[in-house]
Amino acid sequence: IFCFLPFFLFFFFSYGKSFSFCKKIWFRAISVAVILVTGILTLKYANHISFELLCMNKTYSFVADDVDTTIFGAFLMNIVRYAVGFLFFFVIMGVTPSKKTFFSYIGTNSSYVYALHLFFIVFLRDFDAGHDVLRVLTNKWLLLAYCFSGIPMSFILASKPVRQLTSFFVEPKFDIKKIIKTIIE
């Protein structure tokens, strides 16, 4: 809750805003440049990146212990993560196509990706723990795998078969009035 609350609040209060500046050609060019520079810097400094910093579920003390810094330093790192997260919200808006594409269904069904990705990740982590598949990857390739694994995962989790199998969980259909009436009676 604490890690993602600023993002939820931002999206809640910005609902209905157009962010039309993100569709301007100059902003799209800046967005592509930011993605390229971020990718190049990430690959260049892959051996110095702590994977725990990519996961926002780590406590301040864990991050501080992991990278040998103070709690205040860990707090500042989390502020930087929030800033980068918000920056990339706008960057992604800048590269998102305006017209419907073959992958538009992912955005339409993003609630499935959001609700199910943790189960998918836990399964993959357990699988790797048992079979040690990722041991062959260097830090650079492991970092690329972490960053780009979200693409196929999104296609899979937003697919029609997965939605049909998990709709009872992600979008439960129930009549709250009927439930209340049954409880009261």
C-alpha atoms as a PDB file:
ATOM      1  CA  ILE A   1       0.000   0.000   0.000  1.00  0.00           C
ATOM      2  CA  PHE A   2       2.689   2.496   0.990  1.00  0.00           C
ATOM      3  CA  CYS A   3       4.858   1.779  -2.043  1.00  0.00           C
ATOM      4  CA  PHE A   4       2.141   2.310  -4.627  1.00  0.00           C
ATOM      5  CA  LEU A   5      -0.135   4.787  -2.828  1.00  0.00           C
ATOM      6  CA  PRO A   6       1.418   7.880  -4.474  1.00  0.00           C
ATOM      7  CA  PHE A   7       0.806   6.350  -7.898  1.00  0.00           C
ATOM      8  CA  PHE A   8      -2.790   5.403  -7.071  1.00  0.00           C
ATOM      9  CA  LEU A   9      -3.450   8.897  -5.730  1.00  0.00           C
ATOM     10  CA  PHE A  10      -1.920  10.473  -8.825  1.00  0.00           C
ATOM     11  CA  PHE A  11      -4.056   8.355 -11.147  1.00  0.00           C
ATOM     12  CA  PHE A  12      -7.172   8.969  -9.049  1.00  0.00           C
ATOM     13  CA  PHE A  13      -6.763  12.747  -9.050  1.00  0.00           C
ATOM     14  CA  SER A  14      -5.690  12.901 -12.693  1.00  0.00           C
ATOM     15  CA  TYR A  15      -8.592  10.802 -13.979  1.00  0.00           C
ATOM     16  CA  GLY A  16     -10.125  12.521 -16.997  1.00  0.00           C
ATOM     17  CA  LYS A  17      -7.061  14.666 -17.697  1.00  0.00           C
ATOM     18  CA  SER A  18      -5.938  14.439 -21.288  1.00  0.00           C
ATOM     19  CA  PHE A  19      -2.181  14.942 -20.933  1.00  0.00           C
ATOM     20  CA  SER A  20      -2.329  16.075 -24.565  1.00  0.00           C
ATOM     21  CA  PHE A  21       1.237  17.401 -24.400  1.00  0.00           C
ATOM     22  CA  CYS A  22       2.360  13.763 -24.339  1.00  0.00           C
ATOM     23  CA  LYS A  23       1.119  13.328 -27.918  1.00  0.00           C
ATOM     24  CA  LYS A  24       3.088  16.280 -29.315  1.00  0.00           C
ATOM     25  CA  ILE A  25       5.917  15.306 -31.638  1.00  0.00           C
ATOM     26  CA  TRP A  26       8.570  17.051 -29.519  1.00  0.00           C
ATOM     27  CA  PHE A  27       7.464  15.132 -26.416  1.00  0.00           C
ATOM     28  CA  ARG A  28       7.401  11.839 -28.312  1.00  0.00           C
ATOM     29  CA  ALA A  29      11.004  12.477 -29.454  1.00  0.00           C
ATOM     30  CA  ILE A  30      12.074  13.268 -25.884  1.00  0.00           C
ATOM     31  CA  SER A  31      10.323  10.097 -24.666  1.00  0.00           C
ATOM     32  CA  VAL A  32      12.170   7.906 -27.161  1.00  0.00           C
ATOM     33  CA  ALA A  33      15.453   9.597 -26.205  1.00  0.00           C
ATOM     34  CA  VAL A  34      14.784   9.027 -22.484  1.00  0.00           C
ATOM     35  CA  ILE A  35      14.084   5.336 -23.117  1.00  0.00           C
ATOM     36  CA  LEU A  36      17.241   4.920 -25.200  1.00  0.00           C
ATOM     37  CA  VAL A  37      19.483   6.768 -22.725  1.00  0.00           C
ATOM     38  CA  THR A  38      17.972   4.853 -19.799  1.00  0.00           C
ATOM     39  CA  GLY A  39      18.552   1.559 -21.624  1.00  0.00           C
ATOM     40  CA  ILE A  40      22.157   2.402 -22.484  1.00  0.00           C
ATOM     41  CA  LEU A  41      22.974   3.594 -18.952  1.00  0.00           C
ATOM     42  CA  THR A  42      21.261   0.560 -17.440  1.00  0.00           C
ATOM     43  CA  LEU A  43      23.325  -1.815 -19.558  1.00  0.00           C
ATOM     44  CA  LYS A  44      26.519   0.110 -18.894  1.00  0.00           C
ATOM     45  CA  TYR A  45      26.041   0.074 -15.118  1.00  0.00           C
ATOM     46  CA  ALA A  46      24.222  -3.269 -14.820  1.00  0.00           C
ATOM     47  CA  ASN A  47      26.844  -4.694 -12.464  1.00  0.00           C
ATOM     48  CA  HIS A  48      26.249  -1.818 -10.042  1.00  0.00           C
ATOM     49  CA  ILE A  49      22.455  -2.051  -9.940  1.00  0.00           C
ATOM     50  CA  SER A  50      20.867  -3.811  -7.001  1.00  0.00           C
ATOM     51  CA  PHE A  51      17.855  -5.793  -8.172  1.00  0.00           C
ATOM     52  CA  GLU A  52      16.160  -5.089  -4.854  1.00  0.00           C
ATOM     53  CA  LEU A  53      16.050  -1.413  -5.846  1.00  0.00           C
ATOM     54  CA  LEU A  54      13.827  -2.360  -8.783  1.00  0.00           C
ATOM     55  CA  CYS A  55      11.264  -3.895  -6.429  1.00  0.00           C
ATOM     56  CA  MET A  56       9.280  -1.387  -4.428  1.00  0.00           C
ATOM     57  CA  ASN A  57       8.318  -3.967  -1.830  1.00  0.00           C
ATOM     58  CA  LYS A  58      11.577  -3.667   0.101  1.00  0.00           C
ATOM     59  CA  THR A  59      11.641  -1.747   3.350  1.00  0.00           C
ATOM     60  CA  TYR A  60      13.888   1.241   3.877  1.00  0.00           C
ATOM     61  CA  SER A  61      16.032  -0.671   6.343  1.00  0.00           C
ATOM     62  CA  PHE A  62      16.498  -3.578   3.916  1.00  0.00           C
ATOM     63  CA  VAL A  63      17.597  -1.227   1.145  1.00  0.00           C
ATOM     64  CA  ALA A  64      19.881   0.592   3.593  1.00  0.00           C
ATOM     65  CA  ASP A  65      21.446  -2.700   4.724  1.00  0.00           C
ATOM     66  CA  ASP A  66      21.731  -3.957   1.156  1.00  0.00           C
ATOM     67  CA  VAL A  67      23.563  -0.975  -0.316  1.00  0.00           C
ATOM     68  CA  ASP A  68      25.453   0.027   2.827  1.00  0.00           C
ATOM     69  CA  THR A  69      23.785   3.397   3.343  1.00  0.00           C
ATOM     70  CA  THR A  70      21.784   5.136   6.047  1.00  0.00           C
ATOM     71  CA  ILE A  71      18.019   4.978   6.519  1.00  0.00           C
ATOM     72  CA  PHE A  72      17.886   8.581   5.283  1.00  0.00           C
ATOM     73  CA  GLY A  73      19.832   7.555   2.186  1.00  0.00           C
ATOM     74  CA  ALA A  74      17.397   4.696   1.603  1.00  0.00           C
ATOM     75  CA  PHE A  75      14.520   7.151   1.998  1.00  0.00           C
ATOM     76  CA  LEU A  76      16.122   9.387  -0.651  1.00  0.00           C
ATOM     77  CA  MET A  77      16.543   6.372  -2.956  1.00  0.00           C
ATOM     78  CA  ASN A  78      12.839   5.665  -2.612  1.00  0.00           C
ATOM     79  CA  ILE A  79      12.025   9.291  -3.458  1.00  0.00           C
ATOM     80  CA  VAL A  80      14.197   8.918  -6.560  1.00  0.00           C
ATOM     81  CA  ARG A  81      12.319   5.718  -7.453  1.00  0.00           C
ATOM     82  CA  TYR A  82       9.022   7.602  -7.185  1.00  0.00           C
ATOM     83  CA  ALA A  83      10.374  10.421  -9.360  1.00  0.00           C
ATOM     84  CA  VAL A  84      11.576   7.944 -11.975  1.00  0.00           C
ATOM     85  CA  GLY A  85       8.225   6.123 -11.795  1.00  0.00           C
ATOM     86  CA  PHE A  86       6.298   9.325 -12.447  1.00  0.00           C
ATOM     87  CA  LEU A  87       8.757  10.360 -15.172  1.00  0.00           C
ATOM     88  CA  PHE A  88       8.240   7.041 -16.917  1.00  0.00           C
ATOM     89  CA  PHE A  89       4.467   7.403 -16.677  1.00  0.00           C
ATOM     90  CA  PHE A  90       4.779  10.416 -18.959  1.00  0.00           C
ATOM     91  CA  VAL A  91       7.489   8.780 -21.101  1.00  0.00           C
ATOM     92  CA  ILE A  92       5.222   5.770 -21.712  1.00  0.00           C
ATOM     93  CA  MET A  93       2.351   8.141 -22.509  1.00  0.00           C
ATOM     94  CA  GLY A  94       4.683   9.758 -25.049  1.00  0.00           C
ATOM     95  CA  VAL A  95       5.404   6.527 -26.911  1.00  0.00           C
ATOM     96  CA  THR A  96       1.901   5.070 -26.642  1.00  0.00           C
ATOM     97  CA  PRO A  97       0.201   5.064 -30.049  1.00  0.00           C
ATOM     98  CA  SER A  98      -2.956   7.150 -30.454  1.00  0.00           C
ATOM     99  CA  LYS A  99      -4.680   4.611 -32.697  1.00  0.00           C
ATOM    100  CA  LYS A 100      -5.850   1.113 -31.859  1.00  0.00           C
ATOM    101  CA  THR A 101      -3.172  -1.541 -32.400  1.00  0.00           C
ATOM    102  CA  PHE A 102      -2.909  -5.318 -32.101  1.00  0.00           C
ATOM    103  CA  PHE A 103      -1.812  -4.920 -28.479  1.00  0.00           C
ATOM    104  CA  SER A 104      -4.480  -2.408 -27.400  1.00  0.00           C
ATOM    105  CA  TYR A 105      -6.325  -5.218 -25.609  1.00  0.00           C
ATOM    106  CA  ILE A 106      -3.551  -5.227 -22.998  1.00  0.00           C
ATOM    107  CA  GLY A 107      -4.435  -1.700 -21.913  1.00  0.00           C
ATOM    108  CA  THR A 108      -8.138  -2.500 -21.984  1.00  0.00           C
ATOM    109  CA  ASN A 109      -7.548  -5.521 -19.764  1.00  0.00           C
ATOM    110  CA  SER A 110      -4.779  -4.090 -17.602  1.00  0.00           C
ATOM    111  CA  SER A 111      -6.685  -5.023 -14.454  1.00  0.00           C
ATOM    112  CA  TYR A 112      -5.921  -8.676 -15.273  1.00  0.00           C
ATOM    113  CA  VAL A 113      -2.224  -7.947 -15.721  1.00  0.00           C
ATOM    114  CA  TYR A 114      -2.148  -5.978 -12.472  1.00  0.00           C
ATOM    115  CA  ALA A 115      -4.111  -8.545 -10.442  1.00  0.00           C
ATOM    116  CA  LEU A 116      -2.380 -11.661 -11.771  1.00  0.00           C
ATOM    117  CA  HIS A 117       1.236 -10.632 -12.331  1.00  0.00           C
ATOM    118  CA  LEU A 118       2.281 -11.406  -8.765  1.00  0.00           C
ATOM    119  CA  PHE A 119       1.105 -15.034  -9.076  1.00  0.00           C
ATOM    120  CA  PHE A 120       3.005 -15.300 -12.351  1.00  0.00           C
ATOM    121  CA  ILE A 121       6.180 -13.854 -10.825  1.00  0.00           C
ATOM    122  CA  VAL A 122       5.991 -16.063  -7.725  1.00  0.00           C
ATOM    123  CA  PHE A 123       5.575 -19.127  -9.964  1.00  0.00           C
ATOM    124  CA  LEU A 124       8.586 -18.126 -12.085  1.00  0.00           C
ATOM    125  CA  ARG A 125      10.729 -17.394  -9.003  1.00  0.00           C
ATOM    126  CA  ASP A 126       9.851 -20.765  -7.482  1.00  0.00           C
ATOM    127  CA  PHE A 127      10.539 -22.486 -10.793  1.00  0.00           C
ATOM    128  CA  ASP A 128      13.929 -20.776 -11.031  1.00  0.00           C
ATOM    129  CA  ALA A 129      14.726 -21.621  -7.403  1.00  0.00           C
ATOM    130  CA  GLY A 130      14.111 -25.295  -8.156  1.00  0.00           C
ATOM    131  CA  HIS A 131      15.823 -25.427 -11.551  1.00  0.00           C
ATOM    132  CA  ASP A 132      18.316 -22.526 -11.378  1.00  0.00           C
ATOM    133  CA  VAL A 133      17.567 -21.458 -14.947  1.00  0.00           C
ATOM    134  CA  LEU A 134      18.793 -17.866 -14.555  1.00  0.00           C
ATOM    135  CA  ARG A 135      22.242 -18.846 -13.252  1.00  0.00           C
ATOM    136  CA  VAL A 136      23.635 -18.749 -16.793  1.00  0.00           C
ATOM    137  CA  LEU A 137      22.817 -15.047 -17.163  1.00  0.00           C
ATOM    138  CA  THR A 138      25.275 -12.300 -16.338  1.00  0.00           C
ATOM    139  CA  ASN A 139      24.016  -9.251 -14.436  1.00  0.00           C
ATOM    140  CA  LYS A 140      23.520  -7.373 -17.718  1.00  0.00           C
ATOM    141  CA  TRP A 141      21.381 -10.105 -19.283  1.00  0.00           C
ATOM    142  CA  LEU A 142      19.555 -10.752 -16.037  1.00  0.00           C
ATOM    143  CA  LEU A 143      18.673  -7.069 -15.844  1.00  0.00           C
ATOM    144  CA  LEU A 144      17.386  -7.156 -19.430  1.00  0.00           C
ATOM    145  CA  ALA A 145      15.338 -10.248 -18.597  1.00  0.00           C
ATOM    146  CA  TYR A 146      13.841  -8.449 -15.578  1.00  0.00           C
ATOM    147  CA  CYS A 147      13.014  -5.348 -17.591  1.00  0.00           C
ATOM    148  CA  PHE A 148      11.580  -6.997 -20.683  1.00  0.00           C
ATOM    149  CA  SER A 149       9.833  -9.990 -19.113  1.00  0.00           C
ATOM    150  CA  GLY A 150       6.837  -7.738 -18.512  1.00  0.00           C
ATOM    151  CA  ILE A 151       6.083  -7.625 -22.243  1.00  0.00           C
ATOM    152  CA  PRO A 152       5.293 -11.326 -22.832  1.00  0.00           C
ATOM    153  CA  MET A 153       3.778 -11.531 -19.338  1.00  0.00           C
ATOM    154  CA  SER A 154       1.351  -8.722 -20.251  1.00  0.00           C
ATOM    155  CA  PHE A 155       0.360 -10.427 -23.506  1.00  0.00           C
ATOM    156  CA  ILE A 156      -0.273 -13.695 -21.654  1.00  0.00           C
ATOM    157  CA  LEU A 157      -2.145 -12.266 -18.658  1.00  0.00           C
ATOM    158  CA  ALA A 158      -4.402 -10.037 -20.794  1.00  0.00           C
ATOM    159  CA  SER A 159      -5.188 -12.830 -23.268  1.00  0.00           C
ATOM    160  CA  LYS A 160      -8.726 -14.083 -23.711  1.00  0.00           C
ATOM    161  CA  PRO A 161      -8.110 -17.598 -22.306  1.00  0.00           C
ATOM    162  CA  VAL A 162      -6.544 -16.204 -19.113  1.00  0.00           C
ATOM    163  CA  ARG A 163      -9.347 -13.657 -18.744  1.00  0.00           C
ATOM    164  CA  GLN A 164     -11.957 -16.387 -19.129  1.00  0.00           C
ATOM    165  CA  LEU A 165     -10.263 -18.591 -16.536  1.00  0.00           C
ATOM    166  CA  THR A 166      -9.700 -15.826 -13.971  1.00  0.00           C
ATOM    167  CA  SER A 167     -12.594 -13.402 -14.450  1.00  0.00           C
ATOM    168  CA  PHE A 168     -14.309 -14.744 -11.310  1.00  0.00           C
ATOM    169  CA  PHE A 169     -11.277 -13.517  -9.354  1.00  0.00           C
ATOM    170  CA  VAL A 170     -10.385 -10.284 -11.162  1.00  0.00           C
ATOM    171  CA  GLU A 171     -13.892  -9.077 -12.016  1.00  0.00           C
ATOM    172  CA  PRO A 172     -16.264 -10.930  -9.728  1.00  0.00           C
ATOM    173  CA  LYS A 173     -19.895 -10.496 -10.671  1.00  0.00           C
ATOM    174  CA  PHE A 174     -22.201 -10.287  -7.717  1.00  0.00           C
ATOM    175  CA  ASP A 175     -25.223  -8.276  -6.740  1.00  0.00           C
ATOM    176  CA  ILE A 176     -24.368  -6.414  -3.540  1.00  0.00           C
ATOM    177  CA  LYS A 177     -28.034  -5.572  -2.895  1.00  0.00           C
ATOM    178  CA  LYS A 178     -28.918  -9.257  -3.053  1.00  0.00           C
ATOM    179  CA  ILE A 179     -26.088 -10.170  -0.680  1.00  0.00           C
ATOM    180  CA  ILE A 180     -27.115  -7.510   1.849  1.00  0.00           C
ATOM    181  CA  LYS A 181     -30.745  -8.593   1.605  1.00  0.00           C
ATOM    182  CA  THR A 182     -29.726 -12.220   2.246  1.00  0.00           C
ATOM    183  CA  ILE A 183     -27.610 -11.211   5.260  1.00  0.00           C
ATOM    184  CA  ILE A 184     -30.384  -9.102   6.735  1.00  0.00           C
ATOM    185  CA  GLU A 185     -33.004 -11.806   6.329  1.00  0.00           C
END
